[in-house]
Full PDB file with SEQRES, HELIX, SHEET, SSBOND, CRYST1, ORIGX, SCALE, CONECT and MASTER records, all heavy atoms in Angstrom:
SEQRES   1 A   44  THR ARG LEU GLU GLY ARG VAL ALA LEU ILE THR GLY ALA          
SEQRES   2 A   44  ALA SER GLY ILE GLY ARG ALA THR ALA GLU ARG LEU ALA          
SEQRES   3 A   44  SER GLU GLY ALA THR VAL VAL VAL THR ASP VAL GLN ASP          
SEQRES   4 A   44  GLU ALA GLY GLU GLU                                          
HELIX    1 AA1 GLY A   16  SER A   27  1                                  12    
HELIX    2 AA2 ASP A   39  GLU A   43  1                                   5    
SHEET    1 AA1 2 VAL A   7  ILE A  10  0                                        
SHEET    2 AA1 2 THR A  31  VAL A  34  1                                        
CRYST1    1.000    1.000    1.000  90.00  90.00  90.00 P 1           1          
ORIGX1      1.000000  0.000000  0.000000        0.00000                         
ORIGX2      0.000000  1.000000  0.000000        0.00000                         
ORIGX3      0.000000  0.000000  1.000000        0.00000                         
SCALE1      1.000000  0.000000  0.000000        0.00000                         
SCALE2      0.000000  1.000000  0.000000        0.00000                         
SCALE3      0.000000  0.000000  1.000000        0.00000                         
ATOM      1  N   THR A   1      79.276 -14.825 -61.764  1.00  0.00           N  
ATOM      2  CA  THR A   1      78.030 -15.530 -61.488  1.00  0.00           C  
ATOM      3  C   THR A   1      78.229 -17.043 -61.644  1.00  0.00           C  
ATOM      4  O   THR A   1      77.489 -17.723 -62.346  1.00  0.00           O  
ATOM      5  CB  THR A   1      76.929 -15.051 -62.458  1.00  0.00           C  
ATOM      6  OG1 THR A   1      77.383 -15.195 -63.813  1.00  0.00           O  
ATOM      7  CG2 THR A   1      76.564 -13.592 -62.187  1.00  0.00           C  
ATOM      8  N   ARG A   2      79.299 -17.544 -61.000  1.00  0.00           N  
ATOM      9  CA  ARG A   2      79.636 -18.949 -61.100  1.00  0.00           C  
ATOM     10  C   ARG A   2      78.566 -19.888 -60.539  1.00  0.00           C  
ATOM     11  O   ARG A   2      78.521 -21.048 -60.862  1.00  0.00           O  
ATOM     12  CB  ARG A   2      80.962 -19.244 -60.389  1.00  0.00           C  
ATOM     13  CG  ARG A   2      82.161 -18.574 -61.041  1.00  0.00           C  
ATOM     14  CD  ARG A   2      83.446 -19.004 -60.325  1.00  0.00           C  
ATOM     15  NE  ARG A   2      83.517 -18.484 -58.932  1.00  0.00           N  
ATOM     16  CZ  ARG A   2      84.546 -18.668 -58.129  1.00  0.00           C  
ATOM     17  NH1 ARG A   2      85.594 -19.388 -58.555  1.00  0.00           N  
ATOM     18  NH2 ARG A   2      84.571 -18.165 -56.911  1.00  0.00           N  
ATOM     19  N   LEU A   3      77.695 -19.317 -59.666  1.00  0.00           N  
ATOM     20  CA  LEU A   3      76.725 -20.160 -58.979  1.00  0.00           C  
ATOM     21  C   LEU A   3      75.284 -19.790 -59.387  1.00  0.00           C  
ATOM     22  O   LEU A   3      74.355 -20.104 -58.664  1.00  0.00           O  
ATOM     23  CB  LEU A   3      76.897 -20.035 -57.460  1.00  0.00           C  
ATOM     24  CG  LEU A   3      78.267 -20.454 -56.951  1.00  0.00           C  
ATOM     25  CD1 LEU A   3      78.403 -20.201 -55.474  1.00  0.00           C  
ATOM     26  CD2 LEU A   3      78.562 -21.925 -57.241  1.00  0.00           C  
ATOM     27  N   GLU A   4      75.147 -19.166 -60.501  1.00  0.00           N  
ATOM     28  CA  GLU A   4      73.800 -18.795 -61.016  1.00  0.00           C  
ATOM     29  C   GLU A   4      72.927 -20.013 -61.115  1.00  0.00           C  
ATOM     30  O   GLU A   4      73.281 -21.047 -61.649  1.00  0.00           O  
ATOM     31  CB  GLU A   4      73.943 -18.137 -62.384  1.00  0.00           C  
ATOM     32  CG  GLU A   4      72.666 -17.492 -62.885  1.00  0.00           C  
ATOM     33  CD  GLU A   4      72.341 -16.190 -62.150  1.00  0.00           C  
ATOM     34  OE1 GLU A   4      73.272 -15.419 -61.835  1.00  0.00           O  
ATOM     35  OE2 GLU A   4      71.142 -16.008 -61.847  1.00  0.00           O  
ATOM     36  N   GLY A   5      71.709 -19.884 -60.542  1.00  0.00           N  
ATOM     37  CA  GLY A   5      70.720 -20.951 -60.635  1.00  0.00           C  
ATOM     38  C   GLY A   5      70.893 -22.071 -59.615  1.00  0.00           C  
ATOM     39  O   GLY A   5      70.097 -23.010 -59.618  1.00  0.00           O  
ATOM     40  N   ARG A   6      71.867 -21.952 -58.731  1.00  0.00           N  
ATOM     41  CA  ARG A   6      72.098 -23.007 -57.773  1.00  0.00           C  
ATOM     42  C   ARG A   6      71.613 -22.611 -56.368  1.00  0.00           C  
ATOM     43  O   ARG A   6      71.508 -21.407 -56.052  1.00  0.00           O  
ATOM     44  CB  ARG A   6      73.585 -23.370 -57.720  1.00  0.00           C  
ATOM     45  CG  ARG A   6      74.028 -23.870 -59.073  1.00  0.00           C  
ATOM     46  CD  ARG A   6      75.407 -24.417 -59.124  1.00  0.00           C  
ATOM     47  NE  ARG A   6      75.823 -24.632 -60.517  1.00  0.00           N  
ATOM     48  CZ  ARG A   6      77.001 -25.019 -60.905  1.00  0.00           C  
ATOM     49  NH1 ARG A   6      77.934 -25.264 -60.013  1.00  0.00           N  
ATOM     50  NH2 ARG A   6      77.248 -25.172 -62.210  1.00  0.00           N  
ATOM     51  N   VAL A   7      71.326 -23.592 -55.568  1.00  0.00           N  
ATOM     52  CA  VAL A   7      70.826 -23.354 -54.230  1.00  0.00           C  
ATOM     53  C   VAL A   7      71.831 -23.872 -53.236  1.00  0.00           C  
ATOM     54  O   VAL A   7      72.277 -25.059 -53.337  1.00  0.00           O  
ATOM     55  CB  VAL A   7      69.449 -24.059 -54.020  1.00  0.00           C  
ATOM     56  CG1 VAL A   7      68.979 -23.891 -52.599  1.00  0.00           C  
ATOM     57  CG2 VAL A   7      68.435 -23.508 -55.001  1.00  0.00           C  
ATOM     58  N   ALA A   8      72.207 -23.050 -52.274  1.00  0.00           N  
ATOM     59  CA  ALA A   8      73.205 -23.396 -51.287  1.00  0.00           C  
ATOM     60  C   ALA A   8      72.652 -23.270 -49.881  1.00  0.00           C  
ATOM     61  O   ALA A   8      72.086 -22.256 -49.517  1.00  0.00           O  
ATOM     62  CB  ALA A   8      74.443 -22.486 -51.431  1.00  0.00           C  
ATOM     63  N   LEU A   9      72.787 -24.351 -49.107  1.00  0.00           N  
ATOM     64  CA  LEU A   9      72.389 -24.299 -47.713  1.00  0.00           C  
ATOM     65  C   LEU A   9      73.643 -24.182 -46.830  1.00  0.00           C  
ATOM     66  O   LEU A   9      74.601 -24.970 -46.988  1.00  0.00           O  
ATOM     67  CB  LEU A   9      71.624 -25.605 -47.339  1.00  0.00           C  
ATOM     68  CG  LEU A   9      70.981 -25.696 -45.963  1.00  0.00           C  
ATOM     69  CD1 LEU A   9      69.801 -26.667 -45.974  1.00  0.00           C  
ATOM     70  CD2 LEU A   9      71.971 -26.107 -44.868  1.00  0.00           C  
ATOM     71  N   ILE A  10      73.625 -23.194 -45.947  1.00  0.00           N  
ATOM     72  CA  ILE A  10      74.793 -22.909 -45.105  1.00  0.00           C  
ATOM     73  C   ILE A  10      74.357 -22.965 -43.641  1.00  0.00           C  
ATOM     74  O   ILE A  10      73.413 -22.277 -43.252  1.00  0.00           O  
ATOM     75  CB  ILE A  10      75.356 -21.504 -45.413  1.00  0.00           C  
ATOM     76  CG1 ILE A  10      75.646 -21.360 -46.912  1.00  0.00           C  
ATOM     77  CG2 ILE A  10      76.642 -21.248 -44.602  1.00  0.00           C  
ATOM     78  CD1 ILE A  10      75.877 -19.924 -47.349  1.00  0.00           C  
ATOM     79  N   THR A  11      75.063 -23.768 -42.857  1.00  0.00           N  
ATOM     80  CA  THR A  11      74.714 -23.806 -41.420  1.00  0.00           C  
ATOM     81  C   THR A  11      75.535 -22.786 -40.651  1.00  0.00           C  
ATOM     82  O   THR A  11      76.609 -22.368 -41.086  1.00  0.00           O  
ATOM     83  CB  THR A  11      74.990 -25.223 -40.858  1.00  0.00           C  
ATOM     84  OG1 THR A  11      76.369 -25.498 -40.848  1.00  0.00           O  
ATOM     85  CG2 THR A  11      74.234 -26.290 -41.638  1.00  0.00           C  
ATOM     86  N   GLY A  12      74.983 -22.339 -39.528  1.00  0.00           N  
ATOM     87  CA  GLY A  12      75.645 -21.327 -38.750  1.00  0.00           C  
ATOM     88  C   GLY A  12      75.878 -20.055 -39.527  1.00  0.00           C  
ATOM     89  O   GLY A  12      76.925 -19.394 -39.403  1.00  0.00           O  
ATOM     90  N   ALA A  13      74.897 -19.642 -40.339  1.00  0.00           N  
ATOM     91  CA  ALA A  13      75.102 -18.593 -41.320  1.00  0.00           C  
ATOM     92  C   ALA A  13      74.609 -17.225 -40.829  1.00  0.00           C  
ATOM     93  O   ALA A  13      74.587 -16.278 -41.605  1.00  0.00           O  
ATOM     94  CB  ALA A  13      74.425 -18.927 -42.630  1.00  0.00           C  
ATOM     95  N   ALA A  14      74.244 -17.103 -39.557  1.00  0.00           N  
ATOM     96  CA  ALA A  14      73.728 -15.835 -39.056  1.00  0.00           C  
ATOM     97  C   ALA A  14      74.835 -14.845 -38.759  1.00  0.00           C  
ATOM     98  O   ALA A  14      74.583 -13.640 -38.614  1.00  0.00           O  
ATOM     99  CB  ALA A  14      72.869 -16.056 -37.827  1.00  0.00           C  
ATOM    100  N   SER A  15      76.103 -15.323 -38.616  1.00  0.00           N  
ATOM    101  CA  SER A  15      77.173 -14.422 -38.248  1.00  0.00           C  
ATOM    102  C   SER A  15      78.509 -15.018 -38.685  1.00  0.00           C  
ATOM    103  O   SER A  15      78.570 -16.167 -39.120  1.00  0.00           O  
ATOM    104  CB  SER A  15      77.169 -14.181 -36.717  1.00  0.00           C  
ATOM    105  OG  SER A  15      77.361 -15.409 -36.036  1.00  0.00           O  
ATOM    106  N   GLY A  16      79.559 -14.241 -38.528  1.00  0.00           N  
ATOM    107  CA  GLY A  16      80.919 -14.719 -38.767  1.00  0.00           C  
ATOM    108  C   GLY A  16      81.175 -15.271 -40.120  1.00  0.00           C  
ATOM    109  O   GLY A  16      80.730 -14.758 -41.144  1.00  0.00           O  
ATOM    110  N   ILE A  17      81.922 -16.373 -40.163  1.00  0.00           N  
ATOM    111  CA  ILE A  17      82.256 -17.036 -41.438  1.00  0.00           C  
ATOM    112  C   ILE A  17      81.012 -17.459 -42.204  1.00  0.00           C  
ATOM    113  O   ILE A  17      80.965 -17.324 -43.439  1.00  0.00           O  
ATOM    114  CB  ILE A  17      83.181 -18.224 -41.169  1.00  0.00           C  
ATOM    115  CG1 ILE A  17      84.577 -17.757 -40.696  1.00  0.00           C  
ATOM    116  CG2 ILE A  17      83.314 -19.073 -42.426  1.00  0.00           C  
ATOM    117  CD1 ILE A  17      85.457 -18.868 -40.202  1.00  0.00           C  
ATOM    118  N   GLY A  18      79.987 -17.938 -41.518  1.00  0.00           N  
ATOM    119  CA  GLY A  18      78.798 -18.353 -42.168  1.00  0.00           C  
ATOM    120  C   GLY A  18      78.100 -17.243 -42.885  1.00  0.00           C  
ATOM    121  O   GLY A  18      77.635 -17.394 -44.028  1.00  0.00           O  
ATOM    122  N   ARG A  19      77.988 -16.062 -42.220  1.00  0.00           N  
ATOM    123  CA  ARG A  19      77.357 -14.914 -42.892  1.00  0.00           C  
ATOM    124  C   ARG A  19      78.184 -14.459 -44.084  1.00  0.00           C  
ATOM    125  O   ARG A  19      77.638 -14.157 -45.142  1.00  0.00           O  
ATOM    126  CB  ARG A  19      77.144 -13.797 -41.901  1.00  0.00           C  
ATOM    127  CG  ARG A  19      76.539 -12.568 -42.584  1.00  0.00           C  
ATOM    128  CD  ARG A  19      75.950 -11.568 -41.614  1.00  0.00           C  
ATOM    129  NE  ARG A  19      75.436 -10.406 -42.362  1.00  0.00           N  
ATOM    130  CZ  ARG A  19      74.541  -9.575 -41.869  1.00  0.00           C  
ATOM    131  NH1 ARG A  19      74.006  -9.749 -40.673  1.00  0.00           N  
ATOM    132  NH2 ARG A  19      74.114  -8.549 -42.588  1.00  0.00           N  
ATOM    133  N   ALA A  20      79.495 -14.362 -43.902  1.00  0.00           N  
ATOM    134  CA  ALA A  20      80.351 -13.956 -45.003  1.00  0.00           C  
ATOM    135  C   ALA A  20      80.224 -14.899 -46.207  1.00  0.00           C  
ATOM    136  O   ALA A  20      80.215 -14.495 -47.362  1.00  0.00           O  
ATOM    137  CB  ALA A  20      81.793 -13.881 -44.554  1.00  0.00           C  
ATOM    138  N   THR A  21      80.056 -16.196 -45.918  1.00  0.00           N  
ATOM    139  CA  THR A  21      79.865 -17.189 -46.975  1.00  0.00           C  
ATOM    140  C   THR A  21      78.547 -16.983 -47.679  1.00  0.00           C  
ATOM    141  O   THR A  21      78.458 -17.051 -48.900  1.00  0.00           O  
ATOM    142  CB  THR A  21      79.988 -18.594 -46.379  1.00  0.00           C  
ATOM    143  OG1 THR A  21      81.275 -18.792 -45.837  1.00  0.00           O  
ATOM    144  CG2 THR A  21      79.709 -19.652 -47.423  1.00  0.00           C  
ATOM    145  N   ALA A  22      77.505 -16.734 -46.880  1.00  0.00           N  
ATOM    146  CA  ALA A  22      76.203 -16.469 -47.513  1.00  0.00           C  
ATOM    147  C   ALA A  22      76.260 -15.270 -48.440  1.00  0.00           C  
ATOM    148  O   ALA A  22      75.729 -15.302 -49.540  1.00  0.00           O  
ATOM    149  CB  ALA A  22      75.133 -16.227 -46.416  1.00  0.00           C  
ATOM    150  N   GLU A  23      76.933 -14.235 -48.000  1.00  0.00           N  
ATOM    151  CA  GLU A  23      77.066 -12.998 -48.823  1.00  0.00           C  
ATOM    152  C   GLU A  23      77.845 -13.279 -50.100  1.00  0.00           C  
ATOM    153  O   GLU A  23      77.466 -12.846 -51.197  1.00  0.00           O  
ATOM    154  CB  GLU A  23      77.743 -11.901 -48.009  1.00  0.00           C  
ATOM    155  CG  GLU A  23      76.884 -11.394 -46.865  1.00  0.00           C  
ATOM    156  CD  GLU A  23      77.645 -10.483 -45.904  1.00  0.00           C  
ATOM    157  OE1 GLU A  23      78.879 -10.454 -45.970  1.00  0.00           O  
ATOM    158  OE2 GLU A  23      76.973  -9.829 -45.069  1.00  0.00           O  
ATOM    159  N   ARG A  24      78.919 -14.077 -49.983  1.00  0.00           N  
ATOM    160  CA  ARG A  24      79.732 -14.340 -51.153  1.00  0.00           C  
ATOM    161  C   ARG A  24      78.995 -15.244 -52.153  1.00  0.00           C  
ATOM    162  O   ARG A  24      78.995 -14.957 -53.382  1.00  0.00           O  
ATOM    163  CB  ARG A  24      81.050 -15.003 -50.744  1.00  0.00           C  
ATOM    164  CG  ARG A  24      81.953 -15.382 -51.890  1.00  0.00           C  
ATOM    165  CD  ARG A  24      82.377 -14.193 -52.740  1.00  0.00           C  
ATOM    166  NE  ARG A  24      83.157 -14.591 -53.885  1.00  0.00           N  
ATOM    167  CZ  ARG A  24      84.489 -14.468 -53.936  1.00  0.00           C  
ATOM    168  NH1 ARG A  24      85.175 -14.020 -52.900  1.00  0.00           N  
ATOM    169  NH2 ARG A  24      85.161 -14.803 -55.035  1.00  0.00           N  
ATOM    170  N   LEU A  25      78.364 -16.292 -51.688  1.00  0.00           N  
ATOM    171  CA  LEU A  25      77.671 -17.177 -52.621  1.00  0.00           C  
ATOM    172  C   LEU A  25      76.489 -16.482 -53.254  1.00  0.00           C  
ATOM    173  O   LEU A  25      76.238 -16.666 -54.464  1.00  0.00           O  
ATOM    174  CB  LEU A  25      77.207 -18.440 -51.866  1.00  0.00           C  
ATOM    175  CG  LEU A  25      78.305 -19.319 -51.252  1.00  0.00           C  
ATOM    176  CD1 LEU A  25      77.700 -20.678 -50.829  1.00  0.00           C  
ATOM    177  CD2 LEU A  25      79.484 -19.520 -52.176  1.00  0.00           C  
ATOM    178  N   ALA A  26      75.796 -15.620 -52.524  1.00  0.00           N  
ATOM    179  CA  ALA A  26      74.708 -14.844 -53.099  1.00  0.00           C  
ATOM    180  C   ALA A  26      75.233 -13.919 -54.188  1.00  0.00           C  
ATOM    181  O   ALA A  26      74.610 -13.719 -55.202  1.00  0.00           O  
ATOM    182  CB  ALA A  26      73.977 -14.088 -52.014  1.00  0.00           C  
ATOM    183  N   SER A  27      76.394 -13.301 -53.923  1.00  0.00           N  
ATOM    184  CA  SER A  27      76.951 -12.362 -54.897  1.00  0.00           C  
ATOM    185  C   SER A  27      77.356 -13.064 -56.177  1.00  0.00           C  
ATOM    186  O   SER A  27      77.476 -12.437 -57.238  1.00  0.00           O  
ATOM    187  CB  SER A  27      78.176 -11.644 -54.309  1.00  0.00           C  
ATOM    188  OG  SER A  27      79.309 -12.508 -54.270  1.00  0.00           O  
ATOM    189  N   GLU A  28      77.556 -14.366 -56.096  1.00  0.00           N  
ATOM    190  CA  GLU A  28      77.922 -15.165 -57.284  1.00  0.00           C  
ATOM    191  C   GLU A  28      76.715 -15.863 -57.925  1.00  0.00           C  
ATOM    192  O   GLU A  28      76.832 -16.697 -58.769  1.00  0.00           O  
ATOM    193  CB  GLU A  28      78.986 -16.198 -56.927  1.00  0.00           C  
ATOM    194  CG  GLU A  28      80.297 -15.529 -56.483  1.00  0.00           C  
ATOM    195  CD  GLU A  28      81.544 -16.283 -56.866  1.00  0.00           C  
ATOM    196  OE1 GLU A  28      81.448 -17.144 -57.760  1.00  0.00           O  
ATOM    197  OE2 GLU A  28      82.569 -16.036 -56.266  1.00  0.00           O  
ATOM    198  N   GLY A  29      75.519 -15.437 -57.492  1.00  0.00           N  
ATOM    199  CA  GLY A  29      74.304 -15.855 -58.155  1.00  0.00           C  
ATOM    200  C   GLY A  29      73.508 -16.944 -57.483  1.00  0.00           C  
ATOM    201  O   GLY A  29      72.415 -17.306 -57.951  1.00  0.00           O  
ATOM    202  N   ALA A  30      73.987 -17.492 -56.347  1.00  0.00           N  
ATOM    203  CA  ALA A  30      73.253 -18.582 -55.709  1.00  0.00           C  
ATOM    204  C   ALA A  30      72.078 -18.062 -54.916  1.00  0.00           C  
ATOM    205  O   ALA A  30      72.041 -16.969 -54.382  1.00  0.00           O  
ATOM    206  CB  ALA A  30      74.209 -19.328 -54.758  1.00  0.00           C  
ATOM    207  N   THR A  31      71.058 -18.921 -54.850  1.00  0.00           N  
ATOM    208  CA  THR A  31      69.985 -18.750 -53.857  1.00  0.00           C  
ATOM    209  C   THR A  31      70.549 -19.331 -52.566  1.00  0.00           C  
ATOM    210  O   THR A  31      70.994 -20.482 -52.536  1.00  0.00           O  
ATOM    211  CB  THR A  31      68.739 -19.497 -54.263  1.00  0.00           C  
ATOM    212  OG1 THR A  31      68.173 -18.877 -55.409  1.00  0.00           O  
ATOM    213  CG2 THR A  31      67.704 -19.496 -53.155  1.00  0.00           C  
ATOM    214  N   VAL A  32      70.510 -18.558 -51.504  1.00  0.00           N  
ATOM    215  CA  VAL A  32      71.190 -18.930 -50.257  1.00  0.00           C  
ATOM    216  C   VAL A  32      70.114 -19.251 -49.193  1.00  0.00           C  
ATOM    217  O   VAL A  32      69.215 -18.456 -48.934  1.00  0.00           O  
ATOM    218  CB  VAL A  32      72.082 -17.816 -49.752  1.00  0.00           C  
ATOM    219  CG1 VAL A  32      72.684 -18.185 -48.401  1.00  0.00           C  
ATOM    220  CG2 VAL A  32      73.225 -17.597 -50.764  1.00  0.00           C  
ATOM    221  N   VAL A  33      70.290 -20.437 -48.586  1.00  0.00           N  
ATOM    222  CA  VAL A  33      69.431 -20.826 -47.457  1.00  0.00           C  
ATOM    223  C   VAL A  33      70.289 -20.666 -46.206  1.00  0.00           C  
ATOM    224  O   VAL A  33      71.235 -21.391 -45.953  1.00  0.00           O  
ATOM    225  CB  VAL A  33      68.975 -22.302 -47.593  1.00  0.00           C  
ATOM    226  CG1 VAL A  33      68.082 -22.656 -46.400  1.00  0.00           C  
ATOM    227  CG2 VAL A  33      68.282 -22.528 -48.927  1.00  0.00           C  
ATOM    228  N   VAL A  34      69.937 -19.628 -45.448  1.00  0.00           N  
ATOM    229  CA  VAL A  34      70.648 -19.293 -44.226  1.00  0.00           C  
ATOM    230  C   VAL A  34      70.048 -20.105 -43.122  1.00  0.00           C  
ATOM    231  O   VAL A  34      68.845 -19.991 -42.844  1.00  0.00           O  
ATOM    232  CB  VAL A  34      70.561 -17.785 -43.912  1.00  0.00           C  
ATOM    233  CG1 VAL A  34      71.111 -17.459 -42.521  1.00  0.00           C  
ATOM    234  CG2 VAL A  34      71.279 -16.977 -44.995  1.00  0.00           C  
ATOM    235  N   THR A  35      70.805 -20.927 -42.426  1.00  0.00           N  
ATOM    236  CA  THR A  35      70.294 -21.711 -41.311  1.00  0.00           C  
ATOM    237  C   THR A  35      71.141 -21.396 -40.064  1.00  0.00           C  
ATOM    238  O   THR A  35      72.306 -21.167 -40.134  1.00  0.00           O  
ATOM    239  CB  THR A  35      70.291 -23.219 -41.575  1.00  0.00           C  
ATOM    240  OG1 THR A  35      71.621 -23.742 -41.430  1.00  0.00           O  
ATOM    241  CG2 THR A  35      69.738 -23.547 -42.927  1.00  0.00           C  
ATOM    242  N   ASP A  36      70.428 -21.424 -38.918  1.00  0.00           N  
ATOM    243  CA  ASP A  36      71.079 -21.112 -37.638  1.00  0.00           C  
ATOM    244  C   ASP A  36      70.074 -21.387 -36.529  1.00  0.00           C  
ATOM    245  O   ASP A  36      68.906 -21.665 -36.806  1.00  0.00           O  
ATOM    246  CB  ASP A  36      71.543 -19.647 -37.613  1.00  0.00           C  
ATOM    247  CG  ASP A  36      72.810 -19.449 -36.782  1.00  0.00           C  
ATOM    248  OD1 ASP A  36      72.771 -19.723 -35.580  1.00  0.00           O  
ATOM    249  OD2 ASP A  36      73.831 -18.964 -37.331  1.00  0.00           O  
ATOM    250  N   VAL A  37      70.530 -21.274 -35.282  1.00  0.00           N  
ATOM    251  CA  VAL A  37      69.629 -21.265 -34.149  1.00  0.00           C  
ATOM    252  C   VAL A  37      69.400 -19.844 -33.635  1.00  0.00           C  
ATOM    253  O   VAL A  37      68.555 -19.635 -32.790  1.00  0.00           O  
ATOM    254  CB  VAL A  37      70.150 -22.146 -32.983  1.00  0.00           C  
ATOM    255  CG1 VAL A  37      70.164 -23.616 -33.414  1.00  0.00           C  
ATOM    256  CG2 VAL A  37      71.517 -21.680 -32.553  1.00  0.00           C  
ATOM    257  N   GLN A  38      70.145 -18.894 -34.177  1.00  0.00           N  
ATOM    258  CA  GLN A  38      69.975 -17.483 -33.843  1.00  0.00           C  
ATOM    259  C   GLN A  38      68.965 -16.884 -34.778  1.00  0.00           C  
ATOM    260  O   GLN A  38      69.348 -16.336 -35.864  1.00  0.00           O  
ATOM    261  CB  GLN A  38      71.310 -16.729 -33.951  1.00  0.00           C  
ATOM    262  CG  GLN A  38      72.416 -17.303 -33.062  1.00  0.00           C  
ATOM    263  CD  GLN A  38      73.725 -16.551 -33.276  1.00  0.00           C  
ATOM    264  OE1 GLN A  38      73.912 -15.445 -32.757  1.00  0.00           O  
ATOM    265  NE2 GLN A  38      74.625 -17.112 -34.070  1.00  0.00           N  
ATOM    266  N   ASP A  39      67.709 -16.991 -34.485  1.00  0.00           N  
ATOM    267  CA  ASP A  39      66.657 -16.628 -35.441  1.00  0.00           C  
ATOM    268  C   ASP A  39      66.663 -15.158 -35.809  1.00  0.00           C  
ATOM    269  O   ASP A  39      66.541 -14.814 -37.004  1.00  0.00           O  
ATOM    270  CB  ASP A  39      65.304 -17.022 -34.873  1.00  0.00           C  
ATOM    271  CG  ASP A  39      65.146 -18.511 -34.734  1.00  0.00           C  
ATOM    272  OD1 ASP A  39      65.811 -19.280 -35.438  1.00  0.00           O  
ATOM    273  OD2 ASP A  39      64.354 -18.940 -33.860  1.00  0.00           O  
ATOM    274  N   GLU A  40      66.820 -14.302 -34.857  1.00  0.00           N  
ATOM    275  CA  GLU A  40      66.784 -12.859 -35.161  1.00  0.00           C  
ATOM    276  C   GLU A  40      67.936 -12.465 -36.075  1.00  0.00           C  
ATOM    277  O   GLU A  40      67.756 -11.773 -37.079  1.00  0.00           O  
ATOM    278  CB  GLU A  40      66.831 -12.024 -33.890  1.00  0.00           C  
ATOM    279  CG  GLU A  40      66.678 -10.530 -34.094  1.00  0.00           C  
ATOM    280  CD  GLU A  40      66.606  -9.749 -32.818  1.00  0.00           C  
ATOM    281  OE1 GLU A  40      66.420 -10.346 -31.742  1.00  0.00           O  
ATOM    282  OE2 GLU A  40      66.764  -8.498 -32.871  1.00  0.00           O  
ATOM    283  N   ALA A  41      69.154 -12.956 -35.740  1.00  0.00           N  
ATOM    284  CA  ALA A  41      70.323 -12.644 -36.553  1.00  0.00           C  
ATOM    285  C   ALA A  41      70.200 -13.292 -37.957  1.00  0.00           C  
ATOM    286  O   ALA A  41      70.615 -12.695 -38.947  1.00  0.00           O  
ATOM    287  CB  ALA A  41      71.588 -13.085 -35.870  1.00  0.00           C  
ATOM    288  N   GLY A  42      69.627 -14.484 -37.996  1.00  0.00           N  
ATOM    289  CA  GLY A  42      69.444 -15.143 -39.256  1.00  0.00           C  
ATOM    290  C   GLY A  42      68.508 -14.417 -40.185  1.00  0.00           C  
ATOM    291  O   GLY A  42      68.752 -14.261 -41.377  1.00  0.00           O  
ATOM    292  N   GLU A  43      67.385 -13.968 -39.599  1.00  0.00           N  
ATOM    293  CA  GLU A  43      66.407 -13.202 -40.388  1.00  0.00           C  
ATOM    294  C   GLU A  43      67.012 -11.877 -40.868  1.00  0.00           C  
ATOM    295  O   GLU A  43      66.773 -11.423 -42.003  1.00  0.00           O  
ATOM    296  CB  GLU A  43      65.138 -12.952 -39.566  1.00  0.00           C  
ATOM    297  CG  GLU A  43      64.343 -14.198 -39.217  1.00  0.00           C  
ATOM    298  CD  GLU A  43      63.556 -14.755 -40.406  1.00  0.00           C  
ATOM    299  OE1 GLU A  43      63.708 -14.270 -41.540  1.00  0.00           O  
ATOM    300  OE2 GLU A  43      62.739 -15.685 -40.172  1.00  0.00           O  
ATOM    301  N   GLU A  44      67.840 -11.297 -40.028  1.00  0.00           N  
ATOM    302  CA  GLU A  44      68.487 -10.025 -40.411  1.00  0.00           C  
ATOM    303  C   GLU A  44      69.477 -10.227 -41.558  1.00  0.00           C  
ATOM    304  O   GLU A  44      69.565  -9.401 -42.469  1.00  0.00           O  
ATOM    305  CB  GLU A  44      69.195  -9.405 -39.205  1.00  0.00           C  
ATOM    306  CG  GLU A  44      69.700  -7.996 -39.424  1.00  0.00           C  
ATOM    307  CD  GLU A  44      70.995  -7.902 -40.164  1.00  0.00           C  
ATOM    308  OE1 GLU A  44      71.834  -8.788 -39.950  1.00  0.00           O  
ATOM    309  OE2 GLU A  44      71.168  -6.966 -40.960  1.00  0.00           O  
TER     310      GLU A  44                                                      
MASTER        0    0    0    2    2    0    0    6  309    1    0    4          
END                                                                             
């Protein structure tokens, strides 16, 4: 939980490296802000 209590904004986070990064940072305790232009994939 190295990122407990922290907020991370990730661009292009609906797929690929961005999504994997969102998953990893969330697993380490961060609140993740997923940003993208692919709204459906981002919401998913």
